[in-house]
PDB file of N, CA and C in Angstrom:
ATOM      1  N   MET A   1      92.022 103.477 100.661  1.00  0.00           N
ATOM      2  CA  MET A   1      91.188 102.409 100.160  1.00  0.00           C
ATOM      3  C   MET A   1      90.634 101.571 101.305  1.00  0.00           C
ATOM      4  N   PHE A   2      91.471 101.186 102.278  1.00  0.00           N
ATOM      5  CA  PHE A   2      90.997 100.330 103.339  1.00  0.00           C
ATOM      6  C   PHE A   2      90.056 101.052 104.290  1.00  0.00           C
ATOM      7  N   GLY A   3      90.073 102.377 104.264  1.00  0.00           N
ATOM      8  CA  GLY A   3      89.113 103.128 105.055  1.00  0.00           C
ATOM      9  C   GLY A   3      87.687 102.854 104.617  1.00  0.00           C
ATOM     10  N   LEU A   4      87.515 102.465 103.380  1.00  0.00           N
ATOM     11  CA  LEU A   4      86.180 102.166 102.869  1.00  0.00           C
ATOM     12  C   LEU A   4      85.571 100.957 103.554  1.00  0.00           C
ATOM     13  N   ILE A   5      86.376 100.032 103.997  1.00  0.00           N
ATOM     14  CA  ILE A   5      85.870  98.823 104.628  1.00  0.00           C
ATOM     15  C   ILE A   5      85.168  99.149 105.935  1.00  0.00           C
ATOM     16  N   LYS A   6      85.639 100.145 106.648  1.00  0.00           N
ATOM     17  CA  LYS A   6      85.070 100.493 107.945  1.00  0.00           C
ATOM     18  C   LYS A   6      83.642 101.007 107.832  1.00  0.00           C
ATOM     19  N   ASN A   7      83.316 101.652 106.734  1.00  0.00           N
ATOM     20  CA  ASN A   7      81.998 102.240 106.573  1.00  0.00           C
ATOM     21  C   ASN A   7      81.078 101.237 105.884  1.00  0.00           C
ATOM     22  N   LYS A   8      80.339 100.476 106.682  1.00  0.00           N
ATOM     23  CA  LYS A   8      79.482  99.418 106.152  1.00  0.00           C
ATOM     24  C   LYS A   8      78.311  99.954 105.340  1.00  0.00           C
ATOM     25  N   SER A   9      78.032 101.234 105.449  1.00  0.00           N
ATOM     26  CA  SER A   9      76.875 101.792 104.753  1.00  0.00           C
ATOM     27  C   SER A   9      77.172 102.159 103.306  1.00  0.00           C
ATOM     28  N   THR A  10      78.421 102.111 102.900  1.00  0.00           N
ATOM     29  CA  THR A  10      78.749 102.506 101.528  1.00  0.00           C
ATOM     30  C   THR A  10      78.545 101.351 100.564  1.00  0.00           C
ATOM     31  N   ALA A  11      78.444 101.691  99.312  1.00  0.00           N
ATOM     32  CA  ALA A  11      78.332 100.668  98.270  1.00  0.00           C
ATOM     33  C   ALA A  11      79.602  99.832  98.207  1.00  0.00           C
ATOM     34  N   TYR A  12      80.712 100.404  98.643  1.00  0.00           N
ATOM     35  CA  TYR A  12      81.986  99.692  98.587  1.00  0.00           C
ATOM     36  C   TYR A  12      82.049  98.543  99.585  1.00  0.00           C
ATOM     37  N   SER A  13      81.345  98.636 100.698  1.00  0.00           N
ATOM     38  CA  SER A  13      81.468  97.605 101.727  1.00  0.00           C
ATOM     39  C   SER A  13      81.041  96.240 101.208  1.00  0.00           C
ATOM     40  N   LYS A  14      80.037  96.192 100.327  1.00  0.00           N
ATOM     41  CA  LYS A  14      79.627  94.900  99.770  1.00  0.00           C
ATOM     42  C   LYS A  14      80.735  94.338  98.883  1.00  0.00           C
ATOM     43  N   PHE A  15      81.352  95.181  98.074  1.00  0.00           N
ATOM     44  CA  PHE A  15      82.429  94.726  97.196  1.00  0.00           C
ATOM     45  C   PHE A  15      83.596  94.182  98.010  1.00  0.00           C
ATOM     46  N   TRP A  16      83.927  94.842  99.118  1.00  0.00           N
ATOM     47  CA  TRP A  16      85.090  94.461  99.907  1.00  0.00           C
ATOM     48  C   TRP A  16      84.751  93.548 101.078  1.00  0.00           C
ATOM     49  N   SER A  17      83.537  93.049 101.165  1.00  0.00           N
ATOM     50  CA  SER A  17      83.196  92.175 102.285  1.00  0.00           C
ATOM     51  C   SER A  17      83.963  90.862 102.164  1.00  0.00           C
ATOM     52  N   VAL A  18      84.188  90.223 103.286  1.00  0.00           N
ATOM     53  CA  VAL A  18      84.964  88.984 103.316  1.00  0.00           C
ATOM     54  C   VAL A  18      84.337  87.926 102.420  1.00  0.00           C
ATOM     55  N   GLU A  19      83.029  87.896 102.337  1.00  0.00           N
ATOM     56  CA  GLU A  19      82.347  86.883 101.537  1.00  0.00           C
ATOM     57  C   GLU A  19      82.681  86.985 100.050  1.00  0.00           C
ATOM     58  N   THR A  20      83.031  88.170  99.565  1.00  0.00           N
ATOM     59  CA  THR A  20      83.286  88.327  98.132  1.00  0.00           C
ATOM     60  C   THR A  20      84.763  88.197  97.771  1.00  0.00           C
ATOM     61  N   LEU A  21      85.629  88.110  98.763  1.00  0.00           N
ATOM     62  CA  LEU A  21      87.054  88.037  98.466  1.00  0.00           C
ATOM     63  C   LEU A  21      87.465  86.603  98.160  1.00  0.00           C
ATOM     64  N   ASP A  22      88.325  86.446  97.166  1.00  0.00           N
ATOM     65  CA  ASP A  22      88.815  85.140  96.761  1.00  0.00           C
ATOM     66  C   ASP A  22      90.330  85.163  96.851  1.00  0.00           C
ATOM     67  N   TYR A  23      90.857  84.495  97.864  1.00  0.00           N
ATOM     68  CA  TYR A  23      92.300  84.508  98.071  1.00  0.00           C
ATOM     69  C   TYR A  23      92.992  83.299  97.456  1.00  0.00           C
ATOM     70  N   ASN A  24      92.389  82.675  96.466  1.00  0.00           N
ATOM     71  CA  ASN A  24      93.029  81.532  95.819  1.00  0.00           C
ATOM     72  C   ASN A  24      94.261  81.950  95.039  1.00  0.00           C
ATOM     73  N   TYR A  25      94.299  83.195  94.600  1.00  0.00           N
ATOM     74  CA  TYR A  25      95.408  83.677  93.784  1.00  0.00           C
ATOM     75  C   TYR A  25      96.184  84.743  94.547  1.00  0.00           C
ATOM     76  N   ILE A  26      97.502  84.735  94.342  1.00  0.00           N
ATOM     77  CA  ILE A  26      98.357  85.670  95.070  1.00  0.00           C
ATOM     78  C   ILE A  26      99.370  86.319  94.135  1.00  0.00           C
ATOM     79  N   LEU A  27      99.838  87.468  94.561  1.00  0.00           N
ATOM     80  CA  LEU A  27     100.947  88.171  93.923  1.00  0.00           C
ATOM     81  C   LEU A  27     102.135  88.009  94.866  1.00  0.00           C
ATOM     82  N   VAL A  28     103.205  87.416  94.381  1.00  0.00           N
ATOM     83  CA  VAL A  28     104.389  87.192  95.209  1.00  0.00           C
ATOM     84  C   VAL A  28     105.460  88.200  94.802  1.00  0.00           C
ATOM     85  N   ILE A  29     106.030  88.857  95.799  1.00  0.00           N
ATOM     86  CA  ILE A  29     107.085  89.844  95.581  1.00  0.00           C
ATOM     87  C   ILE A  29     108.400  89.268  96.092  1.00  0.00           C
ATOM     88  N   VAL A  30     109.414  89.310  95.240  1.00  0.00           N
ATOM     89  CA  VAL A  30     110.760  88.867  95.604  1.00  0.00           C
ATOM     90  C   VAL A  30     111.733  89.932  95.104  1.00  0.00           C
ATOM     91  N   THR A  31     112.724  90.267  95.912  1.00  0.00           N
ATOM     92  CA  THR A  31     113.792  91.150  95.442  1.00  0.00           C
ATOM     93  C   THR A  31     115.044  90.308  95.221  1.00  0.00           C
ATOM     94  N   THR A  32     115.833  90.703  94.216  1.00  0.00           N
ATOM     95  CA  THR A  32     117.063  89.974  93.905  1.00  0.00           C
ATOM     96  C   THR A  32     118.220  90.955  93.767  1.00  0.00           C
ATOM     97  N   SER A  33     119.419  90.415  93.823  1.00  0.00           N
ATOM     98  CA  SER A  33     120.612  91.257  93.739  1.00  0.00           C
ATOM     99  C   SER A  33     120.935  91.674  92.311  1.00  0.00           C
ATOM    100  N   SER A  34     120.356  90.979  91.324  1.00  0.00           N
ATOM    101  CA  SER A  34     120.646  91.306  89.925  1.00  0.00           C
ATOM    102  C   SER A  34     119.508  90.842  89.022  1.00  0.00           C
ATOM    103  N   ARG A  35     119.466  91.399  87.829  1.00  0.00           N
ATOM    104  CA  ARG A  35     118.478  90.980  86.829  1.00  0.00           C
ATOM    105  C   ARG A  35     118.739  89.526  86.430  1.00  0.00           C
ATOM    106  N   ARG A  36     119.999  89.171  86.348  1.00  0.00           N
ATOM    107  CA  ARG A  36     120.364  87.797  85.986  1.00  0.00           C
ATOM    108  C   ARG A  36     119.804  86.799  87.002  1.00  0.00           C
ATOM    109  N   GLU A  37     119.969  87.111  88.289  1.00  0.00           N
ATOM    110  CA  GLU A  37     119.431  86.244  89.337  1.00  0.00           C
ATOM    111  C   GLU A  37     117.909  86.183  89.245  1.00  0.00           C
ATOM    112  N   ALA A  38     117.279  87.313  89.016  1.00  0.00           N
ATOM    113  CA  ALA A  38     115.817  87.356  88.891  1.00  0.00           C
ATOM    114  C   ALA A  38     115.347  86.452  87.755  1.00  0.00           C
ATOM    115  N   LYS A  39     115.988  86.560  86.596  1.00  0.00           N
ATOM    116  CA  LYS A  39     115.598  85.736  85.442  1.00  0.00           C
ATOM    117  C   LYS A  39     115.814  84.252  85.711  1.00  0.00           C
ATOM    118  N   MET A  40     116.888  83.912  86.382  1.00  0.00           N
ATOM    119  CA  MET A  40     117.173  82.517  86.695  1.00  0.00           C
ATOM    120  C   MET A  40     116.096  81.934  87.610  1.00  0.00           C
ATOM    121  N   ILE A  41     115.725  82.685  88.636  1.00  0.00           N
ATOM    122  CA  ILE A  41     114.686  82.229  89.563  1.00  0.00           C
ATOM    123  C   ILE A  41     113.346  82.116  88.846  1.00  0.00           C
ATOM    124  N   VAL A  42     112.990  83.137  88.090  1.00  0.00           N
ATOM    125  CA  VAL A  42     111.711  83.138  87.364  1.00  0.00           C
ATOM    126  C   VAL A  42     111.644  81.969  86.390  1.00  0.00           C
ATOM    127  N   ARG A  43     112.710  81.739  85.651  1.00  0.00           N
ATOM    128  CA  ARG A  43     112.727  80.635  84.678  1.00  0.00           C
ATOM    129  C   ARG A  43     112.452  79.294  85.368  1.00  0.00           C
ATOM    130  N   ARG A  44     113.102  79.057  86.509  1.00  0.00           N
ATOM    131  CA  ARG A  44     112.887  77.800  87.238  1.00  0.00           C
ATOM    132  C   ARG A  44     111.440  77.683  87.707  1.00  0.00           C
ATOM    133  N   LEU A  45     110.894  78.766  88.239  1.00  0.00           N
ATOM    134  CA  LEU A  45     109.511  78.737  88.720  1.00  0.00           C
ATOM    135  C   LEU A  45     108.532  78.511  87.575  1.00  0.00           C
ATOM    136  N   LEU A  46     108.806  79.105  86.417  1.00  0.00           N
ATOM    137  CA  LEU A  46     107.970  78.868  85.233  1.00  0.00           C
ATOM    138  C   LEU A  46     108.088  77.414  84.781  1.00  0.00           C
ATOM    139  N   ASP A  47     109.311  76.898  84.717  1.00  0.00           N
ATOM    140  CA  ASP A  47     109.525  75.513  84.292  1.00  0.00           C
ATOM    141  C   ASP A  47     108.804  74.521  85.195  1.00  0.00           C
ATOM    142  N   GLU A  48     108.767  74.831  86.490  1.00  0.00           N
ATOM    143  CA  GLU A  48     108.103  73.950  87.452  1.00  0.00           C
ATOM    144  C   GLU A  48     106.610  74.251  87.583  1.00  0.00           C
ATOM    145  N   LYS A  49     106.121  75.202  86.792  1.00  0.00           N
ATOM    146  CA  LYS A  49     104.713  75.612  86.793  1.00  0.00           C
ATOM    147  C   LYS A  49     104.235  76.072  88.178  1.00  0.00           C
ATOM    148  N   LEU A  50     105.140  76.730  88.895  1.00  0.00           N
ATOM    149  CA  LEU A  50     104.793  77.305  90.193  1.00  0.00           C
ATOM    150  C   LEU A  50     104.297  78.734  90.058  1.00  0.00           C
ATOM    151  N   ILE A  51     104.572  79.361  88.915  1.00  0.00           N
ATOM    152  CA  ILE A  51     104.033  80.679  88.580  1.00  0.00           C
ATOM    153  C   ILE A  51     103.574  80.631  87.129  1.00  0.00           C
ATOM    154  N   ALA A  52     102.638  81.503  86.786  1.00  0.00           N
ATOM    155  CA  ALA A  52     102.181  81.597  85.396  1.00  0.00           C
ATOM    156  C   ALA A  52     102.907  82.713  84.665  1.00  0.00           C
ATOM    157  N   CYS A  53     103.321  83.743  85.399  1.00  0.00           N
ATOM    158  CA  CYS A  53     104.051  84.845  84.781  1.00  0.00           C
ATOM    159  C   CYS A  53     104.762  85.651  85.856  1.00  0.00           C
ATOM    160  N   ALA A  54     105.707  86.456  85.397  1.00  0.00           N
ATOM    161  CA  ALA A  54     106.449  87.323  86.314  1.00  0.00           C
ATOM    162  C   ALA A  54     106.824  88.598  85.591  1.00  0.00           C
ATOM    163  N   ASN A  55     106.912  89.669  86.345  1.00  0.00           N
ATOM    164  CA  ASN A  55     107.399  90.956  85.856  1.00  0.00           C
ATOM    165  C   ASN A  55     108.656  91.284  86.640  1.00  0.00           C
ATOM    166  N   ILE A  56     109.729  91.576  85.923  1.00  0.00           N
ATOM    167  CA  ILE A  56     110.983  91.950  86.570  1.00  0.00           C
ATOM    168  C   ILE A  56     111.169  93.449  86.369  1.00  0.00           C
ATOM    169  N   ALA A  57     111.049  94.178  87.467  1.00  0.00           N
ATOM    170  CA  ALA A  57     111.184  95.636  87.407  1.00  0.00           C
ATOM    171  C   ALA A  57     112.659  96.013  87.432  1.00  0.00           C
ATOM    172  N   GLY A  58     112.947  97.176  86.899  1.00  0.00           N
ATOM    173  CA  GLY A  58     114.318  97.679  86.870  1.00  0.00           C
ATOM    174  C   GLY A  58     114.871  97.915  88.258  1.00  0.00           C
ATOM    175  N   SER A  59     116.056  98.383  88.294  1.00  0.00           N
ATOM    176  CA  SER A  59     116.766  98.586  89.544  1.00  0.00           C
ATOM    177  C   SER A  59     116.025  99.559  90.468  1.00  0.00           C
ATOM    178  N   VAL A  60     115.937  99.166  91.745  1.00  0.00           N
ATOM    179  CA  VAL A  60     115.364 100.029  92.777  1.00  0.00           C
ATOM    180  C   VAL A  60     116.394 100.165  93.897  1.00  0.00           C
ATOM    181  N   SER A  61     116.361 101.282  94.574  1.00  0.00           N
ATOM    182  CA  SER A  61     117.243 101.488  95.722  1.00  0.00           C
ATOM    183  C   SER A  61     116.531 101.018  96.977  1.00  0.00           C
ATOM    184  N   SER A  62     117.124 100.074  97.671  1.00  0.00           N
ATOM    185  CA  SER A  62     116.536  99.528  98.892  1.00  0.00           C
ATOM    186  C   SER A  62     117.380  99.928 100.091  1.00  0.00           C
ATOM    187  N   LEU A  63     116.719 100.279 101.164  1.00  0.00           N
ATOM    188  CA  LEU A  63     117.372 100.548 102.443  1.00  0.00           C
ATOM    189  C   LEU A  63     116.730  99.624 103.465  1.00  0.00           C
ATOM    190  N   PHE A  64     117.543  98.998 104.326  1.00  0.00           N
ATOM    191  CA  PHE A  64     117.015  97.976 105.220  1.00  0.00           C
ATOM    192  C   PHE A  64     117.984  97.746 106.380  1.00  0.00           C
ATOM    193  N   TRP A  65     117.449  97.160 107.450  1.00  0.00           N
ATOM    194  CA  TRP A  65     118.273  96.781 108.585  1.00  0.00           C
ATOM    195  C   TRP A  65     118.925  95.438 108.298  1.00  0.00           C
ATOM    196  N   TRP A  66     120.244  95.341 108.550  1.00  0.00           N
ATOM    197  CA  TRP A  66     120.953  94.069 108.445  1.00  0.00           C
ATOM    198  C   TRP A  66     122.124  94.104 109.417  1.00  0.00           C
ATOM    199  N   ASN A  67     122.211  93.108 110.274  1.00  0.00           N
ATOM    200  CA  ASN A  67     123.274  93.030 111.287  1.00  0.00           C
ATOM    201  C   ASN A  67     123.380  94.317 112.105  1.00  0.00           C
ATOM    202  N   LYS A  68     122.225  94.799 112.540  1.00  0.00           N
ATOM    203  CA  LYS A  68     122.120  95.966 113.422  1.00  0.00           C
ATOM    204  C   LYS A  68     122.600  97.267 112.794  1.00  0.00           C
ATOM    205  N   LYS A  69     122.662  97.305 111.448  1.00  0.00           N
ATOM    206  CA  LYS A  69     123.038  98.532 110.736  1.00  0.00           C
ATOM    207  C   LYS A  69     122.058  98.748 109.592  1.00  0.00           C
ATOM    208  N   VAL A  70     121.881 100.009 109.237  1.00  0.00           N
ATOM    209  CA  VAL A  70     121.086 100.317 108.052  1.00  0.00           C
ATOM    210  C   VAL A  70     121.993 100.162 106.840  1.00  0.00           C
ATOM    211  N   GLU A  71     121.574  99.306 105.932  1.00  0.00           N
ATOM    212  CA  GLU A  71     122.330  99.028 104.709  1.00  0.00           C
ATOM    213  C   GLU A  71     121.536  99.532 103.511  1.00  0.00           C
ATOM    214  N   SER A  72     122.190  99.595 102.367  1.00  0.00           N
ATOM    215  CA  SER A  72     121.493  99.941 101.130  1.00  0.00           C
ATOM    216  C   SER A  72     122.015  99.047 100.015  1.00  0.00           C
ATOM    217  N   ALA A  73     121.159  98.847  99.011  1.00  0.00           N
ATOM    218  CA  ALA A  73     121.543  98.011  97.869  1.00  0.00           C
ATOM    219  C   ALA A  73     120.667  98.367  96.680  1.00  0.00           C
ATOM    220  N   GLU A  74     121.204  98.143  95.505  1.00  0.00           N
ATOM    221  CA  GLU A  74     120.414  98.229  94.279  1.00  0.00           C
ATOM    222  C   GLU A  74     119.866  96.832  94.028  1.00  0.00           C
ATOM    223  N   GLU A  75     118.559  96.728  93.866  1.00  0.00           N
ATOM    224  CA  GLU A  75     117.917  95.430  93.702  1.00  0.00           C
ATOM    225  C   GLU A  75     116.931  95.468  92.542  1.00  0.00           C
ATOM    226  N   ASN A  76     116.513  94.286  92.126  1.00  0.00           N
ATOM    227  CA  ASN A  76     115.438  94.142  91.154  1.00  0.00           C
ATOM    228  C   ASN A  76     114.229  93.590  91.890  1.00  0.00           C
ATOM    229  N   VAL A  77     113.056  94.085  91.547  1.00  0.00           N
ATOM    230  CA  VAL A  77     111.815  93.617  92.151  1.00  0.00           C
ATOM    231  C   VAL A  77     111.123  92.699  91.156  1.00  0.00           C
ATOM    232  N   VAL A  78     110.735  91.521  91.638  1.00  0.00           N
ATOM    233  CA  VAL A  78     110.042  90.548  90.801  1.00  0.00           C
ATOM    234  C   VAL A  78     108.621  90.387  91.332  1.00  0.00           C
ATOM    235  N   LEU A  79     107.640  90.559  90.449  1.00  0.00           N
ATOM    236  CA  LEU A  79     106.227  90.365  90.781  1.00  0.00           C
ATOM    237  C   LEU A  79     105.756  89.107  90.067  1.00  0.00           C
ATOM    238  N   MET A  80     105.271  88.132  90.836  1.00  0.00           N
ATOM    239  CA  MET A  80     104.877  86.848  90.259  1.00  0.00           C
ATOM    240  C   MET A  80     103.436  86.521  90.617  1.00  0.00           C
ATOM    241  N   LYS A  81     102.723  85.940  89.657  1.00  0.00           N
ATOM    242  CA  LYS A  81     101.333  85.572  89.882  1.00  0.00           C
ATOM    243  C   LYS A  81     101.212  84.060  89.966  1.00  0.00           C
ATOM    244  N   THR A  82     100.487  83.597  91.003  1.00  0.00           N
ATOM    245  CA  THR A  82     100.323  82.169  91.225  1.00  0.00           C
ATOM    246  C   THR A  82      99.100  81.912  92.095  1.00  0.00           C
ATOM    247  N   ARG A  83      98.925  80.653  92.503  1.00  0.00           N
ATOM    248  CA  ARG A  83      97.855  80.287  93.434  1.00  0.00           C
ATOM    249  C   ARG A  83      98.424  80.139  94.842  1.00  0.00           C
ATOM    250  N   LEU A  84      97.584  80.366  95.809  1.00  0.00           N
ATOM    251  CA  LEU A  84      97.986  80.276  97.210  1.00  0.00           C
ATOM    252  C   LEU A  84      98.528  78.890  97.556  1.00  0.00           C
ATOM    253  N   ASP A  85      97.927  77.840  97.023  1.00  0.00           N
ATOM    254  CA  ASP A  85      98.358  76.483  97.369  1.00  0.00           C
ATOM    255  C   ASP A  85      99.768  76.161  96.862  1.00  0.00           C
ATOM    256  N   LEU A  86     100.316  76.967  95.971  1.00  0.00           N
ATOM    257  CA  LEU A  86     101.667  76.739  95.449  1.00  0.00           C
ATOM    258  C   LEU A  86     102.734  77.561  96.178  1.00  0.00           C
ATOM    259  N   PHE A  87     102.310  78.388  97.139  1.00  0.00           N
ATOM    260  CA  PHE A  87     103.254  79.310  97.782  1.00  0.00           C
ATOM    261  C   PHE A  87     104.399  78.600  98.504  1.00  0.00           C
ATOM    262  N   GLU A  88     104.120  77.570  99.266  1.00  0.00           N
ATOM    263  CA  GLU A  88     105.181  76.917 100.044  1.00  0.00           C
ATOM    264  C   GLU A  88     106.258  76.344  99.134  1.00  0.00           C
ATOM    265  N   LYS A  89     105.868  75.654  98.071  1.00  0.00           N
ATOM    266  CA  LYS A  89     106.846  75.089  97.129  1.00  0.00           C
ATOM    267  C   LYS A  89     107.597  76.211  96.416  1.00  0.00           C
ATOM    268  N   LEU A  90     106.887  77.263  96.024  1.00  0.00           N
ATOM    269  CA  LEU A  90     107.522  78.426  95.394  1.00  0.00           C
ATOM    270  C   LEU A  90     108.567  79.021  96.339  1.00  0.00           C
ATOM    271  N   SER A  91     108.200  79.214  97.591  1.00  0.00           N
ATOM    272  CA  SER A  91     109.091  79.804  98.583  1.00  0.00           C
ATOM    273  C   SER A  91     110.338  78.941  98.787  1.00  0.00           C
ATOM    274  N   GLU A  92     110.165  77.631  98.897  1.00  0.00           N
ATOM    275  CA  GLU A  92     111.301  76.712  99.047  1.00  0.00           C
ATOM    276  C   GLU A  92     112.246  76.817  97.851  1.00  0.00           C
ATOM    277  N   THR A  93     111.681  76.880  96.653  1.00  0.00           N
ATOM    278  CA  THR A  93     112.487  76.956  95.436  1.00  0.00           C
ATOM    279  C   THR A  93     113.267  78.263  95.385  1.00  0.00           C
ATOM    280  N   VAL A  94     112.606  79.371  95.709  1.00  0.00           N
ATOM    281  CA  VAL A  94     113.287  80.671  95.715  1.00  0.00           C
ATOM    282  C   VAL A  94     114.435  80.653  96.724  1.00  0.00           C
ATOM    283  N   LYS A  95     114.187  80.158  97.921  1.00  0.00           N
ATOM    284  CA  LYS A  95     115.239  80.119  98.949  1.00  0.00           C
ATOM    285  C   LYS A  95     116.438  79.288  98.492  1.00  0.00           C
ATOM    286  N   ALA A  96     116.186  78.185  97.805  1.00  0.00           N
ATOM    287  CA  ALA A  96     117.269  77.310  97.342  1.00  0.00           C
ATOM    288  C   ALA A  96     118.124  77.973  96.263  1.00  0.00           C
ATOM    289  N   LEU A  97     117.520  78.841  95.461  1.00  0.00           N
ATOM    290  CA  LEU A  97     118.220  79.471  94.342  1.00  0.00           C
ATOM    291  C   LEU A  97     118.794  80.848  94.663  1.00  0.00           C
ATOM    292  N   HIS A  98     118.266  81.496  95.683  1.00  0.00           N
ATOM    293  CA  HIS A  98     118.558  82.902  95.960  1.00  0.00           C
ATOM    294  C   HIS A  98     119.932  83.094  96.596  1.00  0.00           C
ATOM    295  N   SER A  99     120.568  84.213  96.286  1.00  0.00           N
ATOM    296  CA  SER A  99     121.895  84.523  96.837  1.00  0.00           C
ATOM    297  C   SER A  99     121.834  85.110  98.250  1.00  0.00           C
ATOM    298  N   TYR A 100     120.674  85.597  98.684  1.00  0.00           N
ATOM    299  CA  TYR A 100     120.558  86.208 100.010  1.00  0.00           C
ATOM    300  C   TYR A 100     120.346  85.143 101.085  1.00  0.00           C
ATOM    301  N   GLN A 101     120.857  85.420 102.289  1.00  0.00           N
ATOM    302  CA  GLN A 101     120.591  84.560 103.441  1.00  0.00           C
ATOM    303  C   GLN A 101     119.110  84.580 103.790  1.00  0.00           C
ATOM    304  N   VAL A 102     118.515  85.762 103.730  1.00  0.00           N
ATOM    305  CA  VAL A 102     117.104  85.939 104.068  1.00  0.00           C
ATOM    306  C   VAL A 102     116.430  86.683 102.919  1.00  0.00           C
ATOM    307  N   PRO A 103     116.030  85.962 101.872  1.00  0.00           N
ATOM    308  CA  PRO A 103     115.399  86.649 100.742  1.00  0.00           C
ATOM    309  C   PRO A 103     114.002  87.156 101.097  1.00  0.00           C
ATOM    310  N   GLU A 104     113.650  88.269 100.494  1.00  0.00           N
ATOM    311  CA  GLU A 104     112.289  88.795 100.640  1.00  0.00           C
ATOM    312  C   GLU A 104     111.368  87.950  99.769  1.00  0.00           C
ATOM    313  N   ILE A 105     110.406  87.296 100.407  1.00  0.00           N
ATOM    314  CA  ILE A 105     109.391  86.510  99.702  1.00  0.00           C
ATOM    315  C   ILE A 105     108.070  86.839 100.384  1.00  0.00           C
ATOM    316  N   ILE A 106     107.281  87.696  99.755  1.00  0.00           N
ATOM    317  CA  ILE A 106     106.043  88.192 100.352  1.00  0.00           C
ATOM    318  C   ILE A 106     104.887  87.881  99.414  1.00  0.00           C
ATOM    319  N   ALA A 107     103.802  87.372  99.971  1.00  0.00           N
ATOM    320  CA  ALA A 107     102.615  87.088  99.162  1.00  0.00           C
ATOM    321  C   ALA A 107     101.476  88.014  99.572  1.00  0.00           C
ATOM    322  N   LEU A 108     100.830  88.594  98.578  1.00  0.00           N
ATOM    323  CA  LEU A 108      99.659  89.439  98.792  1.00  0.00           C
ATOM    324  C   LEU A 108      98.478  88.812  98.065  1.00  0.00           C
ATOM    325  N   PRO A 109      97.292  88.851  98.656  1.00  0.00           N
ATOM    326  CA  PRO A 109      96.136  88.275  97.960  1.00  0.00           C
ATOM    327  C   PRO A 109      95.757  89.104  96.742  1.00  0.00           C
ATOM    328  N   ILE A 110      95.366  88.417  95.699  1.00  0.00           N
ATOM    329  CA  ILE A 110      94.765  89.094  94.550  1.00  0.00           C
ATOM    330  C   ILE A 110      93.277  89.144  94.860  1.00  0.00           C
ATOM    331  N   VAL A 111      92.790  90.322  95.157  1.00  0.00           N
ATOM    332  CA  VAL A 111      91.417  90.487  95.618  1.00  0.00           C
ATOM    333  C   VAL A 111      90.418  90.227  94.501  1.00  0.00           C
ATOM    334  N   LYS A 112      90.676  90.750  93.349  1.00  0.00           N
ATOM    335  CA  LYS A 112      89.797  90.567  92.189  1.00  0.00           C
ATOM    336  C   LYS A 112      90.653  90.511  90.939  1.00  0.00           C
ATOM    337  N   GLY A 113      90.139  89.857  89.915  1.00  0.00           N
ATOM    338  CA  GLY A 113      90.808  89.805  88.620  1.00  0.00           C
ATOM    339  C   GLY A 113      89.795  89.398  87.569  1.00  0.00           C
ATOM    340  N   SER A 114      90.073  89.743  86.327  1.00  0.00           N
ATOM    341  CA  SER A 114      89.129  89.364  85.272  1.00  0.00           C
ATOM    342  C   SER A 114      89.090  87.843  85.167  1.00  0.00           C
ATOM    343  N   LYS A 115      87.929  87.310  84.863  1.00  0.00           N
ATOM    344  CA  LYS A 115      87.766  85.860  84.743  1.00  0.00           C
ATOM    345  C   LYS A 115      88.712  85.302  83.691  1.00  0.00           C
ATOM    346  N   GLN A 116      88.826  85.995  82.566  1.00  0.00           N
ATOM    347  CA  GLN A 116      89.697  85.509  81.496  1.00  0.00           C
ATOM    348  C   GLN A 116      91.150  85.423  81.965  1.00  0.00           C
ATOM    349  N   TYR A 117      91.612  86.431  82.689  1.00  0.00           N
ATOM    350  CA  TYR A 117      93.001  86.425  83.167  1.00  0.00           C
ATOM    351  C   TYR A 117      93.214  85.316  84.188  1.00  0.00           C
ATOM    352  N   MET A 118      92.288  85.174  85.123  1.00  0.00           N
ATOM    353  CA  MET A 118      92.434  84.150  86.155  1.00  0.00           C
ATOM    354  C   MET A 118      92.368  82.748  85.548  1.00  0.00           C
ATOM    355  N   ASP A 119      91.517  82.552  84.553  1.00  0.00           N
ATOM    356  CA  ASP A 119      91.463  81.261  83.855  1.00  0.00           C
ATOM    357  C   ASP A 119      92.784  80.986  83.147  1.00  0.00           C
ATOM    358  N   TRP A 120      93.330  82.008  82.488  1.00  0.00           N
ATOM    359  CA  TRP A 120      94.626  81.863  81.817  1.00  0.00           C
ATOM    360  C   TRP A 120      95.705  81.511  82.829  1.00  0.00           C
ATOM    361  N   LEU A 121      95.733  82.250  83.937  1.00  0.00           N
ATOM    362  CA  LEU A 121      96.713  82.018  84.990  1.00  0.00           C
ATOM    363  C   LEU A 121      96.654  80.570  85.451  1.00  0.00           C
ATOM    364  N   ASP A 122      95.455  80.111  85.759  1.00  0.00           N
ATOM    365  CA  ASP A 122      95.263  78.758  86.275  1.00  0.00           C
ATOM    366  C   ASP A 122      95.679  77.690  85.265  1.00  0.00           C
ATOM    367  N   SER A 123      95.501  77.972  83.990  1.00  0.00           N
ATOM    368  CA  SER A 123      95.800  76.966  82.964  1.00  0.00           C
ATOM    369  C   SER A 123      97.293  76.660  82.854  1.00  0.00           C
ATOM    370  N   TYR A 124      98.153  77.527  83.392  1.00  0.00           N
ATOM    371  CA  TYR A 124      99.596  77.309  83.304  1.00  0.00           C
ATOM    372  C   TYR A 124     100.236  76.923  84.632  1.00  0.00           C
ATOM    373  N   LEU A 125      99.424  76.680  85.645  1.00  0.00           N
ATOM    374  CA  LEU A 125      99.949  76.294  86.954  1.00  0.00           C
ATOM    375  C   LEU A 125      99.733  74.806  87.193  1.00  0.00           C
ATOM    376  N   LYS A 126     100.532  74.232  88.105  1.00  0.00           N
ATOM    377  CA  LYS A 126     100.396  72.808  88.461  1.00  0.00           C
ATOM    378  C   LYS A 126      98.980  72.492  88.868  1.00  0.00           C
TER     379      LYS A 126
END
């Protein structure tokens, strides 16, 4: 997909040009040690209107470096939709509630979305 950006002569280059991208909205990815922890974090973020919705995916097998060793764990992946301006408060809240010393908190830009969905999303955020 990103190879399309390099070719300015394609019809895709206009769609993916910097001028057309709107990074006001983000998808935040967090992994948790359990579904219970995921639900607890999501509930708090919803209550504080820091996210409009979240999807909690089933158990995934994660492999990662920790203390100079490769470790593995079963985790839950949480996908949350919010605005970029709420990321810092969201991140602080997740860190305060999370059981990990270094929780995964990653934000990706939502490049495009339907107007109706984005309006709905915005209506439930601070």
